Amino acid sequence: MEARPIEERVATVFQRALGLPAQVEWSALEYRSEPRWDSVGHLHLVTELEREFRIVIANDDVLNLTSFGEVVETVRKYVFD
């Protein structure tokens, strides 16, 4: 696994998938709080997370990715389980 912390890697995925700037307040980011994180953006995000971390996120978990923090915790679960 890459040496960068998961939070940084997830932030990079958000930037790439949703076109977000680096100055986002990541701890406050929630689904639909950012116009680009809509249903289509969500699918883009999931695809990029799976690619970046080489994981497959279960449908139930996809539905629960409602905040930046939840995304980080979900990725941790897949990477370290």
Protein backbone atom coordinates (compact mmCIF):
# COMPACT_ATOMS: atom_id res chain seq x y z
CA MET A 1 0.00 0.00 0.00
CA GLU A 2 1.09 3.56 -0.67
CA ALA A 3 2.80 5.38 2.23
CA ARG A 4 0.51 8.45 2.21
CA PRO A 5 -2.19 8.47 4.91
CA ILE A 6 -5.60 7.19 3.81
CA GLU A 7 -7.19 10.60 4.48
CA GLU A 8 -4.85 12.24 1.97
CA ARG A 9 -5.46 9.57 -0.62
CA VAL A 10 -9.24 9.82 -0.15
CA ALA A 11 -9.05 13.62 -0.47
CA THR A 12 -7.12 13.17 -3.72
CA VAL A 13 -9.81 10.79 -4.98
CA PHE A 14 -12.52 13.35 -4.12
CA GLN A 15 -10.57 16.02 -6.01
CA ARG A 16 -10.14 13.77 -9.04
CA ALA A 17 -13.67 12.30 -9.09
CA LEU A 18 -15.61 15.47 -8.28
CA GLY A 19 -13.24 18.20 -9.41
CA LEU A 20 -12.99 19.66 -5.91
CA PRO A 21 -10.28 22.16 -4.96
CA ALA A 22 -7.62 21.25 -2.39
CA GLN A 23 -8.96 23.91 0.03
CA VAL A 24 -12.15 22.01 0.88
CA GLU A 25 -12.99 21.63 4.57
CA TRP A 26 -12.85 17.83 4.36
CA SER A 27 -14.24 17.18 7.85
CA ALA A 28 -17.43 19.09 6.94
CA LEU A 29 -17.94 17.53 3.51
CA GLU A 30 -21.17 15.56 3.24
CA TYR A 31 -23.17 14.06 0.41
CA ARG A 32 -25.05 16.84 -1.43
CA SER A 33 -23.38 19.57 0.67
CA GLU A 34 -21.23 20.08 -2.42
CA PRO A 35 -23.21 20.40 -5.68
CA ARG A 36 -20.79 18.10 -7.51
CA TRP A 37 -21.38 15.32 -4.97
CA ASP A 38 -24.77 14.33 -6.35
CA SER A 39 -25.92 10.84 -7.39
CA VAL A 40 -23.79 10.81 -10.55
CA GLY A 41 -20.80 12.24 -8.69
CA HIS A 42 -21.28 9.56 -6.04
CA LEU A 43 -20.92 6.80 -8.63
CA HIS A 44 -17.84 8.53 -10.00
CA LEU A 45 -16.42 8.73 -6.49
CA VAL A 46 -17.03 5.04 -5.77
CA THR A 47 -15.40 4.03 -9.05
CA GLU A 48 -12.33 6.14 -8.30
CA LEU A 49 -12.10 4.83 -4.71
CA GLU A 50 -12.20 1.26 -5.96
CA ARG A 51 -9.51 2.03 -8.53
CA GLU A 52 -7.24 3.91 -6.12
CA PHE A 53 -7.39 1.36 -3.32
CA ARG A 54 -7.91 -1.76 -5.47
CA ILE A 55 -11.04 -2.73 -3.57
CA VAL A 56 -14.67 -3.54 -4.41
CA ILE A 57 -17.13 -1.70 -2.19
CA ALA A 58 -20.32 -3.60 -1.37
CA ASN A 59 -23.63 -2.00 -2.34
CA ASP A 60 -24.67 -1.52 1.31
CA ASP A 61 -21.44 0.36 1.98
CA VAL A 62 -21.86 2.47 -1.17
CA LEU A 63 -25.17 3.72 0.21
CA ASN A 64 -23.54 4.61 3.54
CA LEU A 65 -20.82 6.82 2.04
CA THR A 66 -22.50 10.03 3.16
CA SER A 67 -19.56 12.06 4.45
CA PHE A 68 -15.83 12.37 3.98
CA GLY A 69 -15.28 10.73 7.37
CA GLU A 70 -17.55 7.82 6.50
CA VAL A 71 -15.68 7.33 3.23
CA VAL A 72 -12.35 7.22 5.08
CA GLU A 73 -13.67 4.70 7.62
CA THR A 74 -15.17 2.51 4.91
CA VAL A 75 -11.93 2.50 2.91
CA ARG A 76 -10.01 1.60 6.09
CA LYS A 77 -12.34 -1.35 6.61
CA TYR A 78 -11.61 -2.70 3.14
CA VAL A 79 -7.90 -1.98 3.14
CA PHE A 80 -7.13 -3.39 6.57
CA ASP A 81 -9.61 -6.30 6.84
